C-alpha atoms as a PDB file:
ATOM      1  CA  MET A   1      34.882  26.758 -14.329  1.00  0.00           C
ATOM      2  CA  MET A   2      31.125  26.803 -14.811  1.00  0.00           C
ATOM      3  CA  LEU A   3      29.353  28.599 -17.603  1.00  0.00           C
ATOM      4  CA  ILE A   4      27.252  31.661 -16.860  1.00  0.00           C
ATOM      5  CA  ARG A   5      24.106  29.832 -17.910  1.00  0.00           C
ATOM      6  CA  GLU A   6      24.852  26.984 -15.485  1.00  0.00           C
ATOM      7  CA  ILE A   7      25.071  29.414 -12.575  1.00  0.00           C
ATOM      8  CA  VAL A   8      21.847  31.062 -13.752  1.00  0.00           C
ATOM      9  CA  GLN A   9      20.083  27.690 -14.021  1.00  0.00           C
ATOM     10  CA  HIS A  10      21.096  26.886 -10.452  1.00  0.00           C
ATOM     11  CA  ALA A  11      19.827  30.254  -9.205  1.00  0.00           C
ATOM     12  CA  PHE A  12      16.468  29.670 -10.897  1.00  0.00           C
ATOM     13  CA  ALA A  13      16.270  26.117  -9.534  1.00  0.00           C
ATOM     14  CA  THR A  14      16.938  27.238  -5.954  1.00  0.00           C
ATOM     15  CA  GLY A  15      15.279  30.644  -6.152  1.00  0.00           C
ATOM     16  CA  CYS A  16      18.398  32.242  -4.703  1.00  0.00           C
ATOM     17  CA  LEU A  17      21.597  33.749  -6.080  1.00  0.00           C
ATOM     18  CA  THR A  18      24.303  33.175  -3.487  1.00  0.00           C
ATOM     19  CA  ILE A  19      27.168  35.548  -2.825  1.00  0.00           C
ATOM     20  CA  GLN A  20      29.550  32.885  -4.132  1.00  0.00           C
ATOM     21  CA  ALA A  21      27.565  32.604  -7.365  1.00  0.00           C
ATOM     22  CA  GLU A  22      27.543  36.402  -7.766  1.00  0.00           C
ATOM     23  CA  ASN A  23      31.322  36.433  -7.431  1.00  0.00           C
ATOM     24  CA  GLN A  24      31.637  33.651 -10.011  1.00  0.00           C
ATOM     25  CA  LEU A  25      29.407  35.615 -12.383  1.00  0.00           C
ATOM     26  CA  ARG A  26      31.567  38.715 -11.972  1.00  0.00           C
ATOM     27  CA  GLN A  27      34.661  36.702 -12.897  1.00  0.00           C
ATOM     28  CA  LEU A  28      32.987  35.026 -15.867  1.00  0.00           C
ATOM     29  CA  LEU A  29      31.619  38.315 -17.193  1.00  0.00           C
ATOM     30  CA  ARG A  30      35.215  39.558 -17.492  1.00  0.00           C
ATOM     31  CA  THR A  31      35.979  36.726 -19.930  1.00  0.00           C
ATOM     32  CA  LYS A  32      34.616  35.767 -23.329  1.00  0.00           C
ATOM     33  CA  TYR A  33      31.097  34.401 -23.238  1.00  0.00           C
ATOM     34  CA  ASP A  34      28.537  33.542 -25.878  1.00  0.00           C
ATOM     35  CA  ALA A  35      25.087  34.893 -26.676  1.00  0.00           C
ATOM     36  CA  LYS A  36      23.365  32.111 -24.683  1.00  0.00           C
ATOM     37  CA  ASP A  37      25.277  33.120 -21.556  1.00  0.00           C
ATOM     38  CA  LEU A  38      24.446  36.786 -22.087  1.00  0.00           C
ATOM     39  CA  LYS A  39      20.754  35.976 -22.530  1.00  0.00           C
ATOM     40  CA  ALA A  40      20.775  33.826 -19.382  1.00  0.00           C
ATOM     41  CA  PHE A  41      22.458  36.616 -17.402  1.00  0.00           C
ATOM     42  CA  MET A  42      19.889  39.165 -18.581  1.00  0.00           C
ATOM     43  CA  GLN A  43      17.074  36.812 -17.564  1.00  0.00           C
ATOM     44  CA  LEU A  44      18.650  36.449 -14.128  1.00  0.00           C
ATOM     45  CA  GLN A  45      18.881  40.222 -13.760  1.00  0.00           C
ATOM     46  CA  GLN A  46      15.187  40.577 -14.546  1.00  0.00           C
ATOM     47  CA  ALA A  47      14.279  37.775 -12.142  1.00  0.00           C
ATOM     48  CA  ALA A  48      16.299  39.412  -9.368  1.00  0.00           C
ATOM     49  CA  MET A  49      14.656  42.786 -10.017  1.00  0.00           C
ATOM     50  CA  SER A  50      11.174  41.254  -9.964  1.00  0.00           C
ATOM     51  CA  GLY A  51      11.919  39.277  -6.815  1.00  0.00           C
ATOM     52  CA  SER A  52      11.447  35.830  -8.300  1.00  0.00           C
ATOM     53  CA  VAL A  53      15.120  35.093  -7.520  1.00  0.00           C
ATOM     54  CA  ARG A  54      16.461  36.316  -4.183  1.00  0.00           C
ATOM     55  CA  GLN A  55      19.943  37.809  -3.908  1.00  0.00           C
ATOM     56  CA  GLU A  56      21.788  36.716  -0.801  1.00  0.00           C
ATOM     57  CA  SER A  57      24.003  39.805  -0.919  1.00  0.00           C
ATOM     58  CA  ARG A  58      21.000  42.131  -1.022  1.00  0.00           C
ATOM     59  CA  GLU A  59      19.374  40.350   1.924  1.00  0.00           C
ATOM     60  CA  ARG A  60      22.559  40.717   3.979  1.00  0.00           C
ATOM     61  CA  HIS A  61      22.828  44.380   3.039  1.00  0.00           C
ATOM     62  CA  ASP A  62      19.206  45.003   4.024  1.00  0.00           C
ATOM     63  CA  ARG A  63      19.746  43.373   7.439  1.00  0.00           C
ATOM     64  CA  ILE A  64      22.849  45.468   8.096  1.00  0.00           C
ATOM     65  CA  VAL A  65      21.129  48.729   7.112  1.00  0.00           C
ATOM     66  CA  ALA A  66      17.941  48.018   9.097  1.00  0.00           C
END
């Protein structure tokens, strides 16, 4: 299984957090992880809130609601 920071790096590289990656993050966050993974996850959260990384799940939700 990938590390949290690897999933985060991929999201930053592509500019998008896929639904699959979100699900992987949820699973990994239920396990033990180190400080580097936590820092990477927090950076991803900020990037998603600022819009510099898109969230596929949010885009789907917005299309359904609209």
